[in-house]
Protein backbone atom coordinates (compact mmCIF):
# COMPACT_ATOMS: atom_id res chain seq x y z
CA MET A 1 132.30 118.10 137.22
CA LYS A 2 128.74 117.30 137.60
CA GLN A 3 127.63 119.90 135.15
CA SER A 4 129.84 118.59 132.39
CA GLU A 5 128.69 115.01 132.97
CA SER A 6 125.03 116.01 132.85
CA SER A 7 125.51 117.99 129.70
CA SER A 8 127.24 115.10 127.92
CA LYS A 9 124.41 112.67 128.97
CA GLN A 10 121.74 114.88 127.49
CA THR A 11 121.83 114.22 123.88
CA VAL A 12 118.98 115.67 121.99
CA ASN A 13 117.64 113.57 119.08
CA ARG A 14 116.15 115.72 116.37
CA GLY A 15 114.33 114.40 113.31
CA PHE A 16 112.22 111.34 112.57
CA THR A 17 113.04 107.70 112.82
CA LEU A 18 112.71 105.46 109.78
CA ILE A 19 109.60 103.86 111.16
CA GLU A 20 107.94 107.23 111.70
CA VAL A 21 108.73 108.20 108.11
CA MET A 22 107.35 104.87 106.79
CA VAL A 23 104.09 105.24 108.75
CA ALA A 24 103.64 108.81 107.48
CA LEU A 25 104.23 107.69 103.85
CA ALA A 26 101.75 104.82 104.31
CA ILE A 27 99.11 107.29 105.61
CA ILE A 28 99.70 109.67 102.70
CA ALA A 29 99.54 106.81 100.17
CA ILE A 30 96.22 105.60 101.53
CA ALA A 31 94.76 109.11 101.53
CA LEU A 32 95.98 109.79 97.93
CA SER A 33 94.43 106.56 96.73
CA ALA A 34 91.13 107.44 98.30
CA VAL A 35 91.16 110.85 96.65
CA SER A 36 92.09 109.33 93.32
CA ARG A 37 89.19 106.86 93.47
CA SER A 38 86.77 109.70 94.42
CA LEU A 39 87.90 111.78 91.46
CA GLY A 40 87.54 108.80 89.15
CA LEU A 41 83.94 108.21 90.27
CA THR A 42 83.19 111.92 89.93
CA VAL A 43 84.38 111.97 86.29
CA SER A 44 82.46 108.76 85.51
CA ASN A 45 79.28 110.21 87.00
CA GLN A 46 79.72 113.48 85.10
CA SER A 47 80.02 111.56 81.77
CA HIS A 48 76.91 109.47 82.56
CA LEU A 49 74.91 112.60 83.55
CA GLU A 50 76.00 114.34 80.33
CA SER A 51 74.72 111.42 78.24
CA ARG A 52 71.37 111.42 80.13
CA VAL A 53 70.85 115.10 79.66
CA ILE A 54 71.58 114.98 75.89
CA ALA A 55 69.34 111.90 75.53
CA THR A 56 66.53 113.68 77.37
CA TRP A 57 66.83 116.66 75.03
CA LEU A 58 66.63 114.36 72.07
CA ALA A 59 63.60 112.54 73.54
CA GLU A 60 61.76 115.81 74.24
CA ASN A 61 62.50 117.03 70.71
CA ALA A 62 61.30 113.74 69.24
CA ILE A 63 58.01 113.88 71.22
CA VAL A 64 57.30 117.46 70.08
CA GLU A 65 58.20 116.58 66.51
CA HIS A 66 55.88 113.50 66.66
CA GLN A 67 53.04 115.60 68.02
CA VAL A 68 53.45 118.35 65.41
CA LEU A 69 53.73 115.95 62.47
CA ASN A 70 50.92 113.76 63.92
CA ASN A 71 52.86 110.68 62.88
CA GLN A 72 51.63 107.50 64.60
CA GLN A 73 53.92 104.97 62.99
CA GLU A 74 56.34 103.05 65.17
CA LYS A 75 59.84 103.70 63.92
CA LYS A 76 63.51 103.86 64.78
CA ILE A 77 65.65 106.83 63.62
CA SER A 78 69.27 107.88 64.04
CA GLU A 79 70.26 111.45 64.93
CA SER A 80 73.45 113.34 65.66
CA MET A 81 73.79 115.77 68.55
CA LEU A 82 76.88 117.27 70.13
CA ASN A 83 79.25 115.08 68.07
CA ARG A 84 77.56 111.84 69.11
CA GLU A 85 75.25 109.47 67.23
CA TRP A 86 72.03 108.48 68.96
CA GLU A 87 69.24 106.03 68.11
CA ILE A 88 65.67 107.13 68.91
CA GLU A 89 62.94 104.53 69.00
CA PHE A 90 59.21 105.35 68.98
CA ALA A 91 56.46 103.04 70.20
CA THR A 92 52.73 103.75 70.48
CA GLU A 93 50.07 102.11 72.58
CA PRO A 94 46.33 102.67 72.48
CA THR A 95 44.50 104.10 75.42
CA PHE A 96 40.88 103.87 76.51
CA ILE A 97 40.02 106.85 74.35
CA PRO A 98 40.35 105.96 70.68
CA GLU A 99 41.76 109.26 69.41
CA ILE A 100 44.46 109.36 72.18
CA TYR A 101 47.46 107.10 72.35
CA LYS A 102 50.53 106.69 74.53
CA LEU A 103 53.84 107.54 72.97
CA SER A 104 57.04 106.03 74.27
CA VAL A 105 60.42 107.45 73.15
CA THR A 106 63.59 105.54 73.97
CA VAL A 107 67.00 107.09 73.28
CA SER A 108 70.38 105.29 73.41
CA GLU A 109 73.82 105.94 72.11
CA LYS A 110 74.50 104.23 68.80
CA GLY A 111 76.19 100.94 69.35
CA SER A 112 75.16 100.75 73.00
CA ASP A 113 72.52 98.61 74.56
CA ASP A 114 72.05 100.89 77.53
CA VAL A 115 69.00 103.19 77.43
CA SER A 116 70.05 106.79 78.15
CA ALA A 117 66.52 108.24 78.34
CA ASN A 118 63.01 106.89 78.23
CA LEU A 119 60.15 109.42 78.03
CA PHE A 120 56.38 108.92 77.72
CA SER A 121 53.65 111.25 76.53
CA VAL A 122 49.99 111.14 75.74
CA VAL A 123 49.28 112.26 72.24
CA GLY A 124 45.94 113.14 70.66
CA PRO A 125 44.47 115.09 67.77
């Protein structure tokens, strides 16, 4: 009789309680929100980096063009590259040597106040 009593007292609970399931879901939700935020920041940084690279290309091209044409006028031009419109602004400053001047090229996306690239060069005859 003791064997039957002991077997009836031993009930094995299998599965999870409601509290355990709720805790697991809370942990998963927190982890997924952290991953989502991280992916959002990565996409934002990628877009910003892409804009800076394109703007740097434009600034380098503008400096070379300025040097080849030997154009010392301050000006602002618009240019299109990779389906985007950009504004390129030139500024010159004199140096201690009269024939040589400092050229500053600032590139920003059209309609934006943020400067995407700002390059400097020393230009002479």
